[in-house]
Protein backbone atom coordinates (compact mmCIF):
# COMPACT_ATOMS: atom_id res chain seq x y z
CA MET A 1 104.18 79.64 63.69
CA ALA A 2 105.82 81.07 60.56
CA LYS A 3 106.44 84.34 62.43
CA GLU A 4 109.79 85.17 63.98
CA ASN A 5 110.25 84.73 67.72
CA VAL A 6 110.67 87.61 70.16
CA LEU A 7 111.47 87.29 73.87
CA VAL A 8 110.30 89.81 76.47
CA THR A 9 111.77 89.43 79.95
CA GLY A 10 109.75 91.17 82.65
CA GLY A 11 106.84 90.89 80.23
CA ALA A 12 104.16 90.70 82.94
CA GLY A 13 105.10 94.09 84.29
CA PHE A 14 103.45 97.42 83.53
CA ILE A 15 105.45 98.41 80.43
CA GLY A 16 106.32 94.81 79.56
CA SER A 17 102.70 93.71 79.18
CA HIS A 18 101.95 96.60 76.82
CA LEU A 19 105.06 95.73 74.80
CA CYS A 20 104.00 92.06 74.53
CA GLU A 21 100.57 93.15 73.34
CA ARG A 22 102.11 95.34 70.64
CA LEU A 23 104.62 92.71 69.45
CA LEU A 24 101.93 90.02 69.09
CA LYS A 25 100.73 91.74 65.93
CA ASP A 26 103.92 90.75 64.11
CA TYR A 27 105.79 88.09 66.10
CA ASN A 28 105.57 85.00 68.26
CA VAL A 29 106.09 86.34 71.78
CA VAL A 30 107.66 84.48 74.69
CA CYS A 31 107.09 86.32 77.97
CA LEU A 32 109.27 85.57 81.01
CA ASP A 33 108.50 86.92 84.47
CA ASN A 34 108.63 85.74 88.08
CA PHE A 35 105.83 88.08 89.28
CA SER A 36 108.10 89.78 91.83
CA THR A 37 106.47 93.09 90.90
CA GLY A 38 104.67 92.05 87.70
CA SER A 39 101.18 90.57 87.68
CA GLU A 40 99.35 87.67 86.07
CA GLN A 41 96.42 90.08 85.57
CA ASN A 42 98.53 92.13 83.17
CA ILE A 43 98.83 89.28 80.67
CA ASN A 44 95.63 87.27 81.21
CA HIS A 45 94.13 88.75 78.05
CA LEU A 46 97.16 87.63 76.00
CA VAL A 47 97.20 83.90 76.80
CA GLN A 48 94.33 83.26 74.36
CA PHE A 49 96.66 83.99 71.43
CA PRO A 50 98.46 80.94 69.99
CA ASN A 51 101.56 83.00 69.25
CA PHE A 52 101.95 84.04 72.91
CA GLU A 53 103.44 81.91 75.67
CA PHE A 54 104.19 82.82 79.28
CA ILE A 55 106.88 81.08 81.31
CA ARG A 56 107.37 81.82 84.99
CA GLN A 57 111.10 82.13 85.49
CA ASP A 58 113.61 83.77 87.81
CA LEU A 59 116.14 85.06 85.30
CA SER A 60 118.96 85.10 87.83
CA LYS A 61 118.80 81.28 87.92
CA PRO A 62 120.06 79.06 85.06
CA PHE A 63 117.43 78.09 82.47
CA ASP A 64 117.18 76.75 78.92
CA LEU A 65 114.13 77.80 76.91
CA GLU A 66 114.77 75.09 74.31
CA LYS A 67 113.95 72.44 76.92
CA ILE A 68 110.57 73.89 77.93
CA ALA A 69 107.77 71.82 76.39
CA GLU A 70 105.32 74.72 76.06
CA LEU A 71 107.75 76.50 73.74
CA ALA A 72 108.35 73.59 71.36
CA LYS A 73 105.83 75.06 68.90
CA PHE A 74 108.12 78.06 68.39
CA GLN A 75 111.06 75.84 67.33
CA ILE A 76 113.55 77.91 69.28
CA ASN A 77 116.29 75.34 68.69
CA VAL A 78 115.99 76.06 64.95
CA LYS A 79 114.67 79.61 64.69
CA GLY A 80 116.16 81.12 67.83
CA PHE A 81 115.00 84.66 68.66
CA PHE A 82 114.86 87.56 66.24
CA ALA A 83 114.87 90.05 69.12
CA ILE A 84 115.09 90.13 72.91
CA PHE A 85 113.72 92.94 75.08
CA ASN A 86 114.93 93.06 78.68
CA LEU A 87 112.55 94.74 81.14
CA ALA A 88 113.24 92.44 84.09
CA CYS A 89 113.95 94.36 87.28
CA PRO A 90 111.82 94.82 90.42
CA THR A 91 110.43 98.33 90.83
CA SER A 92 108.50 99.14 93.98
CA ALA A 93 108.47 102.56 95.59
CA LYS A 94 106.84 101.59 98.89
CA ASN A 95 108.32 98.08 99.15
CA PHE A 96 111.74 98.88 97.77
CA ASP A 97 113.66 97.39 100.71
CA ALA A 98 112.01 94.00 100.28
CA HIS A 99 113.38 93.70 96.73
CA LYS A 100 116.95 94.91 97.27
CA ILE A 101 118.71 91.57 96.72
CA ALA A 102 116.43 90.70 93.79
CA THR A 103 117.29 94.10 92.31
CA LEU A 104 121.00 93.32 92.55
CA ASP A 105 120.42 89.92 90.97
CA SER A 106 118.39 91.43 88.13
CA ASN A 107 121.04 93.99 87.26
CA ALA A 108 123.91 91.48 87.40
CA LEU A 109 123.13 87.74 87.29
CA ALA A 110 119.92 88.00 85.26
CA MET A 111 121.53 90.57 82.99
CA LYS A 112 124.37 88.17 82.18
CA ASN A 113 121.96 85.29 81.51
CA VAL A 114 119.95 87.43 79.10
CA LEU A 115 123.04 88.72 77.31
CA GLU A 116 124.31 85.16 76.87
CA MET A 117 121.05 84.42 75.02
CA VAL A 118 121.60 87.48 72.86
CA VAL A 119 124.99 86.09 71.86
CA LYS A 120 123.70 82.54 71.39
CA TYR A 121 120.83 83.52 69.10
CA LYS A 122 122.51 86.55 67.50
CA ALA A 123 119.36 88.46 68.44
CA LYS A 124 118.65 92.16 68.27
CA PHE A 125 118.63 93.38 71.86
CA VAL A 126 116.86 96.29 73.56
CA HIS A 127 117.61 96.86 77.24
CA LEU A 128 115.21 98.98 79.28
CA SER A 129 117.34 101.20 81.47
CA SER A 130 116.21 104.18 83.50
CA SER A 131 116.62 107.91 83.90
CA VAL A 132 118.08 107.18 87.36
CA VAL A 133 121.48 106.60 85.72
CA TYR A 134 121.80 110.40 85.52
CA GLY A 135 121.18 110.96 89.22
CA GLY A 136 118.50 113.15 90.76
CA ARG A 137 117.35 116.53 89.48
CA ASP A 138 119.33 118.22 92.24
CA LYS A 139 122.53 116.94 90.60
CA MET A 140 121.64 117.51 86.93
CA SER A 141 120.54 120.88 85.59
CA GLY A 142 118.59 121.42 82.39
CA LYS A 143 117.53 118.66 80.02
CA VAL A 144 120.07 115.82 80.13
CA LYS A 145 121.60 114.42 76.95
CA GLU A 146 122.72 110.84 76.54
CA ASP A 147 126.41 111.75 76.83
CA GLU A 148 125.96 113.04 80.39
CA GLU A 149 127.88 110.80 82.79
CA GLY A 150 125.51 111.34 85.70
CA ILE A 151 126.12 111.42 89.45
CA VAL A 152 124.86 108.52 91.54
CA ASN A 153 125.53 107.65 95.18
CA HIS A 154 126.32 103.95 94.84
CA MET A 155 126.30 103.46 98.64
CA SER A 156 122.86 104.97 99.22
CA PRO A 157 119.79 102.92 100.28
CA ARG A 158 118.67 102.89 96.63
CA GLY A 159 122.15 102.26 95.21
CA CYS A 160 121.25 98.69 94.22
CA TYR A 161 118.80 100.13 91.71
CA ASP A 162 120.50 103.35 90.60
CA GLU A 163 124.05 102.00 90.39
CA GLY A 164 122.65 98.61 89.36
CA LYS A 165 121.07 100.21 86.29
CA ARG A 166 124.40 101.83 85.45
CA PHE A 167 126.24 98.53 85.80
CA ALA A 168 123.64 96.77 83.64
CA GLU A 169 124.30 99.36 80.93
CA THR A 170 128.03 98.66 81.28
CA MET A 171 127.33 94.97 80.70
CA VAL A 172 125.32 95.74 77.56
CA ALA A 173 128.09 98.00 76.25
CA THR A 174 130.79 95.44 77.04
CA TYR A 175 128.97 92.61 75.26
CA HIS A 176 128.47 94.92 72.29
CA GLN A 177 132.18 95.75 72.21
CA PHE A 178 133.39 92.18 72.67
CA TYR A 179 130.81 90.09 70.80
CA LYS A 180 129.67 92.78 68.30
CA THR A 181 126.07 92.21 69.45
CA ASP A 182 123.21 94.35 68.12
CA CYS A 183 122.44 96.05 71.43
CA LYS A 184 120.49 99.21 72.25
CA ILE A 185 119.71 100.93 75.53
CA ALA A 186 116.46 102.79 76.24
CA ARG A 187 116.72 105.21 79.15
CA VAL A 188 113.07 105.47 80.10
CA PHE A 189 111.76 108.38 82.14
CA ARG A 190 108.71 108.43 84.42
CA THR A 191 105.87 106.57 82.67
CA TYR A 192 102.16 106.23 83.42
CA GLY A 193 99.11 104.44 82.05
CA PRO A 194 96.83 101.42 82.55
CA ARG A 195 98.15 98.42 84.53
CA GLN A 196 100.42 100.34 86.86
CA ARG A 197 100.47 98.84 90.34
CA LEU A 198 98.12 100.43 92.85
CA PHE A 199 98.95 101.52 96.40
CA ASP A 200 102.69 101.30 95.73
CA GLY A 201 103.57 104.96 95.42
CA GLU A 202 103.25 105.09 91.62
CA MET A 203 101.50 108.44 92.06
CA VAL A 204 99.23 108.70 88.99
CA PRO A 205 97.24 105.45 89.54
CA ASP A 206 97.08 106.13 93.28
CA PHE A 207 95.85 109.67 92.61
CA ILE A 208 93.08 108.25 90.41
CA VAL A 209 91.95 105.70 93.00
CA GLU A 210 92.06 108.26 95.81
CA ALA A 211 90.12 110.78 93.72
CA THR A 212 87.40 108.30 92.76
CA GLN A 213 86.91 107.56 96.46
CA ASP A 214 87.01 111.24 97.49
CA LYS A 215 90.11 110.55 99.60
CA ASN A 216 92.95 113.03 99.88
CA LEU A 217 95.63 112.70 97.19
CA VAL A 218 99.05 112.15 98.78
CA ILE A 219 102.18 113.67 97.25
CA TYR A 220 105.42 112.30 98.71
CA GLY A 221 107.30 115.58 98.74
CA ASP A 222 106.17 119.19 98.66
CA LYS A 223 104.34 121.51 96.26
CA ASN A 224 107.58 122.08 94.34
CA PHE A 225 107.89 118.41 93.28
CA ASN A 226 108.40 118.50 89.51
CA THR A 227 108.42 115.59 87.09
CA SER A 228 107.92 114.58 83.47
CA LEU A 229 105.28 112.03 82.50
CA ILE A 230 105.09 109.92 79.35
CA TYR A 231 102.18 107.67 78.41
CA VAL A 232 103.01 103.98 78.12
CA SER A 233 102.04 103.56 74.45
CA ASP A 234 104.59 106.22 73.49
CA VAL A 235 107.28 104.25 75.34
CA VAL A 236 106.30 101.04 73.54
CA ASP A 237 106.46 102.81 70.17
CA ALA A 238 109.98 103.98 71.02
CA LEU A 239 111.12 100.49 72.06
CA VAL A 240 109.95 98.98 68.78
CA LYS A 241 111.64 101.74 66.79
CA LEU A 242 114.80 101.20 68.81
CA MET A 243 114.79 97.50 67.98
CA GLU A 244 114.69 98.43 64.28
CA ALA A 245 117.36 101.15 64.57
CA LYS A 246 120.99 100.93 63.48
CA ASN A 247 123.31 98.90 65.67
CA ASP A 248 125.57 101.70 66.89
CA ILE A 249 122.90 104.14 68.03
CA GLY A 250 123.90 103.82 71.70
CA ALA A 251 121.69 104.86 74.62
CA VAL A 252 118.56 106.88 73.83
CA ASN A 253 116.39 108.95 76.17
CA ILE A 254 112.73 107.92 76.03
CA GLY A 255 110.49 110.31 77.90
CA SER A 256 108.62 113.58 77.86
CA ASP A 257 110.65 116.78 77.95
CA VAL A 258 107.70 118.75 79.34
CA ASP A 259 108.26 119.71 82.98
CA LEU A 260 105.19 119.34 85.20
CA LYS A 261 104.38 120.21 88.77
CA LEU A 262 103.03 117.06 90.38
CA VAL A 263 100.42 119.08 92.28
CA ASP A 264 99.05 120.32 88.94
CA VAL A 265 98.72 116.72 87.73
CA ALA A 266 96.94 115.78 90.95
CA GLU A 267 94.54 118.73 90.65
CA LYS A 268 93.84 117.82 87.03
CA ILE A 269 92.88 114.27 88.09
CA VAL A 270 90.59 115.67 90.82
CA LYS A 271 88.85 117.83 88.23
CA MET A 272 88.57 115.05 85.62
CA THR A 273 87.02 112.64 88.15
CA LYS A 274 84.74 115.34 89.64
CA SER A 275 86.19 114.46 93.02
CA LYS A 276 85.95 116.27 96.34
CA SER A 277 89.50 115.21 97.24
CA LYS A 278 92.15 117.58 98.58
CA ILE A 279 95.93 117.47 98.11
CA GLU A 280 98.17 116.60 101.05
CA TYR A 281 101.92 116.15 101.40
CA GLU A 282 103.97 113.50 103.17
CA LYS A 283 107.67 112.84 103.61
CA GLU A 284 109.50 112.01 100.38
CA LEU A 285 110.13 108.29 99.88
CA PRO A 286 113.66 107.17 98.89
CA PHE A 287 112.35 105.70 95.66
CA ILE A 288 110.13 108.64 94.70
CA THR A 289 112.46 111.50 93.91
CA GLN A 290 112.63 114.35 91.42
CA LEU A 291 114.35 112.91 88.35
CA ALA A 292 116.23 114.72 85.63
CA LEU A 293 114.36 116.03 82.60
CA PRO A 294 115.30 114.39 79.26
CA ASN A 295 116.65 115.95 76.12
CA ILE A 296 114.92 113.85 73.42
CA LYS A 297 116.56 115.32 70.32
CA LYS A 298 118.41 112.06 69.62
CA ALA A 299 115.17 110.04 69.67
CA LYS A 300 113.53 112.57 67.35
CA ASP A 301 116.44 112.72 64.91
CA GLU A 302 117.54 109.06 64.82
CA LEU A 303 114.31 107.18 65.56
CA GLY A 304 111.80 109.58 64.09
CA TRP A 305 110.02 109.37 67.44
CA MET A 306 108.43 111.83 69.80
CA PRO A 307 105.69 111.58 72.44
CA LEU A 308 102.26 111.84 70.82
CA VAL A 309 99.78 111.29 73.67
CA ARG A 310 98.78 114.53 75.40
CA LEU A 311 98.63 114.45 79.21
CA ASP A 312 94.85 115.01 79.29
CA ASP A 313 94.26 112.15 76.84
CA GLY A 314 96.61 109.79 78.68
CA LEU A 315 95.04 110.58 82.04
CA LYS A 316 91.55 110.00 80.62
CA LYS A 317 92.58 106.58 79.28
CA THR A 318 94.13 105.68 82.62
CA ILE A 319 91.08 106.87 84.57
CA ASP A 320 88.71 104.95 82.26
CA TYR A 321 90.80 101.77 82.68
CA THR A 322 90.87 102.11 86.46
CA LEU A 323 87.11 102.63 86.70
CA ALA A 324 86.42 99.72 84.31
CA HIS A 325 88.66 97.36 86.31
CA LYS A 326 87.85 98.43 89.87
CA GLU A 327 86.93 94.95 91.07
CA LEU A 328 89.91 93.32 89.36
CA LEU A 329 92.23 95.93 90.85
CA GLY A 330 90.75 95.49 94.31
CA VAL A 331 89.52 99.06 94.52
C-alpha cells in the first residue's frame, strides 16, 4: 500500500473501467459507482487486485470515504488522494428520460461533493466533460476549438445533460478560481470500444451485435449522419496525460478530428463480420445527434497526445471482445 491513492468516480462505466484498469499499474485505485448506467461486469476482473477497491455510492448523497472499513488499508485519513477523476454521470441514449433527475444530481450535487474532496485532499482533479457543451453540429461549423462558447438549448428535453455538463464545467472553473485547485476539464467526443452498453443506442456495439446475428443495422438518422469516433484506450491515455499536465491548461478537446459517415462505419462492420445484414434508418433519438467535430491542436501541442488507434484496428478489438463475451453480454 506504499502507492499513492487515486479516486475514480463513475469507475464502473465504459470509460471509467478502462481508466481504473490503466491506473492500477501505478496507484491504489478507489472506484465509486452506483451502477445507474455502469456495470459490475466492467470491473469484475479488477477486484482480484489488492490495490483496487470498489464502493457502491450515490455521489449526490453525503458520504465519507475515511469511515468505510474496506478502504482502511489505503490510509485515506493520512495519505488522502493524489488525484481524483470524475466520470460520474448517467448516459443512456434509449433510456435517457428515466435518468433525467439523476443527471441533474450528477452535474450539480454530486459535482459539489466531488469538488469538496478535491479541496479537502488538495488532489489533482480531472473532470470528464463532453462535446455536447458546444451544441450540435448544426450550430457549430468546422472543427471547434476550446474557446468556442457553444450554443445549447437549456430548456430542451436533453437540457439536463447538455446544460448540466456546462454547469459542471462552471463549478470546476469556480473552484479553481476560488480555492486555487489543480483542476482540468476533458471534453470527450464520441468514444467506442469494449464494455459499451448493448441495446442502448450506442451504435457501434449494437452494430456489431446486429451484424453477428445477420440482423439489419439500425441508424437513428439518415445516410448523411456524420460523426467522429475515438477508441477508448486513446481517451484513457489523454486523461492520464491531462492529470499530469500544468494546472492552468484549461479545457481540452479529447476526440478524433476525422469526420466519418456513420453508414460507412456500419458497412465496415458488416464486412468485417462477414454478415448478411443490411442498413436501415429510423427516427433520430434526442440523445443521438450529430455532434461537433473537435479541433485537437491544443491536446497535441500541450499534452503531446493524439489518437493512435486506427478505426479498423479499434473495430476489430471491439468485435473480438463482443464475440468472446457473448454469453456474459447476453447476446
